[in-house]
Protein backbone atom coordinates (compact mmCIF):
# COMPACT_ATOMS: atom_id res chain seq x y z
CA MET A 1 -0.18 22.99 59.23
CA GLN A 2 -3.25 20.82 58.63
CA GLU A 3 -3.04 18.17 55.96
CA LYS A 4 -5.02 18.08 52.75
CA ILE A 5 -7.34 15.15 52.24
CA ASN A 6 -8.34 14.04 48.76
CA GLY A 7 -11.94 13.35 47.90
CA GLN A 8 -14.10 12.47 44.95
CA CYS A 9 -17.60 11.58 43.88
CA HIS A 10 -18.61 7.96 43.20
CA CYS A 11 -17.71 7.93 39.50
CA GLY A 12 -14.48 9.94 39.98
CA THR A 13 -15.48 12.78 37.66
CA VAL A 14 -15.34 15.35 40.49
CA LYS A 15 -12.06 15.28 42.42
CA PHE A 16 -11.08 17.72 45.13
CA SER A 17 -8.69 18.25 48.01
CA VAL A 18 -9.72 19.80 51.28
CA VAL A 19 -8.21 21.04 54.52
CA LEU A 20 -10.77 20.37 57.26
CA THR A 21 -11.48 22.82 60.08
CA ASP A 22 -10.77 20.30 62.85
CA GLY A 23 -10.18 16.99 61.13
CA LEU A 24 -13.05 14.53 61.40
CA ARG A 25 -14.04 15.86 64.85
CA THR A 26 -16.67 18.15 63.27
CA ALA A 27 -18.69 15.19 61.94
CA ARG A 28 -22.43 15.66 62.17
CA ARG A 29 -25.72 14.98 60.47
CA CYS A 30 -28.80 17.15 60.24
CA ASN A 31 -32.51 16.38 60.52
CA CYS A 32 -33.86 18.99 58.07
CA SER A 33 -36.04 17.57 55.29
CA PHE A 34 -33.22 17.54 52.75
CA CYS A 35 -30.44 16.14 54.95
CA ARG A 36 -32.79 13.54 56.40
CA MET A 37 -33.30 12.14 52.89
CA ARG A 38 -29.67 12.58 51.85
CA GLY A 39 -28.32 10.85 54.98
CA ALA A 40 -24.70 12.01 54.71
CA VAL A 41 -22.23 12.63 57.51
CA ALA A 42 -20.67 16.06 56.93
CA VAL A 43 -17.39 17.47 58.25
CA SER A 44 -16.43 21.16 58.18
CA ALA A 45 -13.97 23.11 56.06
CA PRO A 46 -13.48 26.84 55.49
CA LEU A 47 -14.42 28.17 52.04
CA SER A 48 -10.71 28.63 51.35
CA GLY A 49 -10.03 25.00 52.35
CA ILE A 50 -11.31 23.28 49.24
CA GLU A 51 -9.72 22.99 45.82
CA ILE A 52 -11.54 21.37 42.89
CA LEU A 53 -8.90 19.34 41.07
CA GLU A 54 -11.05 17.86 38.30
CA GLY A 55 -14.64 17.97 37.14
CA LYS A 56 -15.71 21.47 38.19
CA GLU A 57 -17.88 21.62 35.08
CA ALA A 58 -19.70 18.44 36.22
CA LEU A 59 -20.77 19.96 39.54
CA THR A 60 -24.39 21.00 39.74
CA GLU A 61 -26.05 22.83 42.59
CA TYR A 62 -29.30 22.51 44.46
CA ARG A 63 -30.89 25.16 46.66
CA PHE A 64 -34.19 24.90 48.50
CA ASN A 65 -36.39 26.86 50.91
CA THR A 66 -34.38 30.03 51.69
CA ARG A 67 -32.01 29.21 48.79
CA GLN A 68 -29.03 30.27 50.94
CA ALA A 69 -27.32 26.89 51.35
CA VAL A 70 -25.69 25.71 48.13
CA HIS A 71 -25.51 21.90 47.80
CA TYR A 72 -23.13 20.55 45.15
CA PHE A 73 -23.56 17.22 43.35
CA CYS A 74 -21.79 15.39 40.56
CA SER A 75 -24.07 15.66 37.53
CA ILE A 76 -22.85 12.25 36.31
CA CYS A 77 -23.28 9.95 39.35
CA GLY A 78 -25.47 12.20 41.52
CA ILE A 79 -23.33 12.02 44.66
CA TYR A 80 -23.46 14.97 47.05
CA THR A 81 -19.87 16.16 47.51
CA PHE A 82 -20.13 19.31 49.67
CA HIS A 83 -22.30 22.32 50.44
CA GLN A 84 -21.89 25.93 51.49
CA ARG A 85 -23.73 26.19 54.78
CA ARG A 86 -26.61 28.50 55.56
CA SER A 87 -25.71 28.45 59.26
CA ASN A 88 -22.17 29.60 58.46
CA PRO A 89 -21.72 30.80 54.85
CA GLN A 90 -17.95 30.91 55.42
CA GLN A 91 -17.92 27.11 55.76
CA TYR A 92 -18.43 24.07 53.60
CA GLY A 93 -19.94 20.86 54.86
CA ILE A 94 -17.99 18.07 53.16
CA ASN A 95 -19.53 14.63 52.58
CA ALA A 96 -17.23 12.49 54.74
CA ALA A 97 -17.96 9.43 52.57
CA CYS A 98 -16.31 11.21 49.61
CA LEU A 99 -13.02 11.56 51.49
CA GLU A 100 -10.24 9.09 50.76
CA GLY A 101 -10.09 6.39 53.41
CA VAL A 102 -13.19 7.59 55.29
CA SER A 103 -16.54 5.83 55.68
CA PRO A 104 -19.62 7.06 57.54
CA PHE A 105 -19.35 3.77 59.44
CA ASP A 106 -16.02 4.90 60.91
CA PHE A 107 -17.96 7.12 63.34
CA ALA A 108 -19.28 5.34 66.43
CA GLU A 109 -21.45 8.35 67.27
CA VAL A 110 -22.49 11.35 65.19
CA PRO A 111 -24.37 14.35 66.60
CA VAL A 112 -27.51 15.29 64.68
CA ALA A 113 -28.05 19.04 64.29
CA GLU A 114 -31.59 20.34 64.79
CA GLY A 115 -32.13 21.51 61.22
CA ARG A 116 -35.93 21.29 61.16
CA HIS A 117 -35.82 24.50 63.21
CA HIS A 118 -32.74 26.17 61.75
CA PRO A 119 -30.49 28.25 64.03
CA LEU A 120 -31.08 31.32 61.83
CA ASP A 121 -34.83 30.87 62.40
CA GLY A 122 -34.58 30.69 66.19
CA GLY A 123 -33.91 26.96 66.51
CA GLY A 124 -30.74 24.94 66.46
CA GLY A 125 -28.74 22.85 68.84
CA ILE A 126 -28.38 19.09 68.91
CA ALA A 127 -31.48 17.01 68.17
CA GLY A 128 -29.85 13.70 69.11
CA TYR A 129 -27.13 11.25 68.13
CA LEU A 130 -26.78 8.44 65.61
CA ARG A 131 -24.74 5.51 66.83
CA TYR A 132 -23.20 2.65 64.88
CA PHE A 133 -22.45 -0.70 66.47
CA PRO A 134 -20.79 -3.05 63.97
CA GLU A 135 -21.51 -6.75 64.31
CA PRO A 136 -18.44 -8.85 65.03
CA PRO A 137 -17.30 -10.81 61.99
CA ALA A 138 -18.89 -14.24 61.69
CA LYS A 139 -16.59 -17.09 62.56
CA ALA A 140 -15.62 -19.28 59.63
CA PRO A 141 -17.00 -22.83 59.83
CA ARG A 142 -14.44 -25.51 60.67
């Protein structure tokens, strides 16, 4: 059985638990106009995998273009928490940065989905990769 991971928005108004499809191995970004500006790393979960524990009334949604993908945000702090995918409406993309103990800087390499030409419009695939190379900590002066 896969474990539940707790998550929340920045201000803590929206709290949820989620069972991910394949842990953090589904991490990816997207280069569509919206995701490019949002900049989040998303991991996958089935629709049945998420439970809103607190703050459901504070969630607001945003839809654009085809209006099929449903992006959810905390109406208090504005943080994107998760979205129901257009490419797979049976899945949520979960903002990895909202998950307890997870940072987008934990991922050395994240595939970037080709969202400018959506798979449902004849495009898709991987557009490239984002890589993170942390600087070693500075040595303390003697």
